[in-house]
Each structure stands twice: as C-alpha cells, then as structure tokens.
Protein backbone atom coordinates (compact mmCIF):
# COMPACT_ATOMS: atom_id res chain seq x y z
CA MET A 1 -1.53 12.71 -36.41
CA SER A 2 -3.28 11.68 -33.26
CA GLN A 3 -1.74 9.32 -30.80
CA LYS A 4 -3.75 7.65 -28.15
CA CYS A 5 -2.04 7.04 -24.84
CA GLU A 6 -3.47 4.14 -22.97
CA PHE A 7 -2.78 3.79 -19.30
CA GLN A 8 -3.71 0.70 -17.45
CA TYR A 9 -4.28 1.12 -13.76
CA ASN A 10 -4.39 -1.79 -11.40
CA LEU A 11 -7.25 -0.53 -9.24
CA LEU A 12 -8.97 -2.29 -6.41
CA PRO A 13 -12.57 -3.21 -7.20
CA PHE A 14 -15.13 -0.89 -5.58
CA GLU A 15 -16.77 -3.84 -3.81
CA THR A 16 -13.46 -4.73 -2.13
CA ILE A 17 -13.07 -1.16 -0.86
CA LYS A 18 -16.68 -1.08 0.30
CA GLU A 19 -16.29 -4.35 2.21
CA ALA A 20 -12.96 -3.24 3.69
CA THR A 21 -14.58 -0.08 5.09
CA LYS A 22 -17.07 -2.36 6.86
CA GLY A 23 -14.22 -4.33 8.44
CA ASP A 24 -14.36 -7.48 6.29
CA VAL A 25 -11.08 -9.26 7.10
CA ASP A 26 -10.55 -10.70 3.60
CA ALA A 27 -11.17 -7.33 1.96
CA VAL A 28 -8.82 -5.55 4.39
CA GLU A 29 -6.11 -8.14 3.63
CA GLU A 30 -6.65 -7.54 -0.10
CA VAL A 31 -6.22 -3.77 0.39
CA LEU A 32 -3.01 -4.30 2.37
CA LYS A 33 -1.73 -6.76 -0.23
CA HIS A 34 -2.55 -4.32 -3.05
CA TYR A 35 -0.43 -1.57 -1.45
CA ASP A 36 2.35 -3.86 -0.15
CA GLY A 37 4.87 -2.97 -2.88
CA TYR A 38 4.21 0.75 -2.50
CA ILE A 39 4.59 0.53 1.28
CA ASP A 40 7.82 -1.46 0.85
CA ASN A 41 9.14 1.29 -1.39
CA LEU A 42 8.22 3.99 1.13
CA SER A 43 9.82 1.95 3.93
CA ARG A 44 13.15 1.43 2.16
CA ARG A 45 16.12 2.79 4.10
CA LYS A 46 19.80 3.12 3.27
CA MET A 47 22.00 0.99 5.51
CA TYR A 48 25.77 0.62 5.67
CA ASP A 49 27.56 -2.62 6.45
CA GLU A 50 30.81 -2.91 8.40
CA TYR A 51 32.79 -2.23 5.19
CA GLY A 52 30.93 0.96 4.36
CA GLN A 53 28.95 -0.66 1.54
CA ILE A 54 25.47 0.74 0.98
CA HIS A 55 22.50 -1.62 1.18
CA TYR A 56 18.82 -0.77 0.92
CA CYS A 57 16.55 -2.62 3.32
CA VAL A 58 12.91 -2.41 4.29
CA ASP A 59 12.50 -0.85 7.73
CA GLU A 60 9.95 -3.29 9.18
CA THR A 61 8.92 -0.91 11.97
CA LEU A 62 8.13 1.85 9.49
CA LYS A 63 6.34 -0.64 7.23
CA ARG A 64 4.06 -1.75 10.09
CA ARG A 65 3.32 1.88 10.98
CA LEU A 66 2.34 2.65 7.38
CA GLN A 67 0.18 -0.47 7.19
CA THR A 68 -1.53 0.53 10.43
CA LYS A 69 -2.23 4.03 9.09
CA LEU A 70 -3.67 2.57 5.89
CA LEU A 71 -5.84 0.22 7.92
CA ILE A 72 -7.16 3.03 10.14
CA LYS A 73 -7.90 5.28 7.15
CA THR A 74 -9.62 2.41 5.34
CA LEU A 75 -11.85 1.58 8.29
CA ASN A 76 -12.72 5.27 8.82
CA PHE A 77 -13.44 5.92 5.13
CA LYS A 78 -17.07 6.88 4.48
CA ILE A 79 -18.68 5.99 1.18
CA GLY A 80 -21.54 8.29 0.18
CA ASN A 81 -24.95 6.96 -0.83
C-alpha cells in the first residue's frame, strides 16, 4: 500500500526574486507581501489589559525591523549564473 503525500508550497516565482535582488520596487513589495503573515506571526507579543486579560498583538516596531532585515537580505542576495 503506497500513499502519496502531496505538499503544495506557495513559492515566489524565481523571476520575482531575481527582480527584487536588482531593486525592482514592485518585486520587493511582492516579497514583503508574501512574507507578511509570517512576519506578523513572529512579531506577535502577549499583552495584558488593565483587568489582567491576555491579548496578543503585533508589535509594529518589531515587524518593521523584521521587514527591514528581509529587505536588506533580499537586496544583498546574489544569484549565480
């Protein structure tokens, strides 16, 4: 009995990555948009209200720092020939 597991990955097209490494504004925006949910998840922080209730919020400062790091790494990424 053989079962085939199929995984579907939502990958960015190679051309988008290639253009983003060259500094194309639209491609860079597409890269940031692609990782927005992941960055939101990494930026989520536990907060307490005045009644001691726990709330999870996105730390906007941390989110901007992560987006900046992604942008720098994208622009510095070298694609081989």
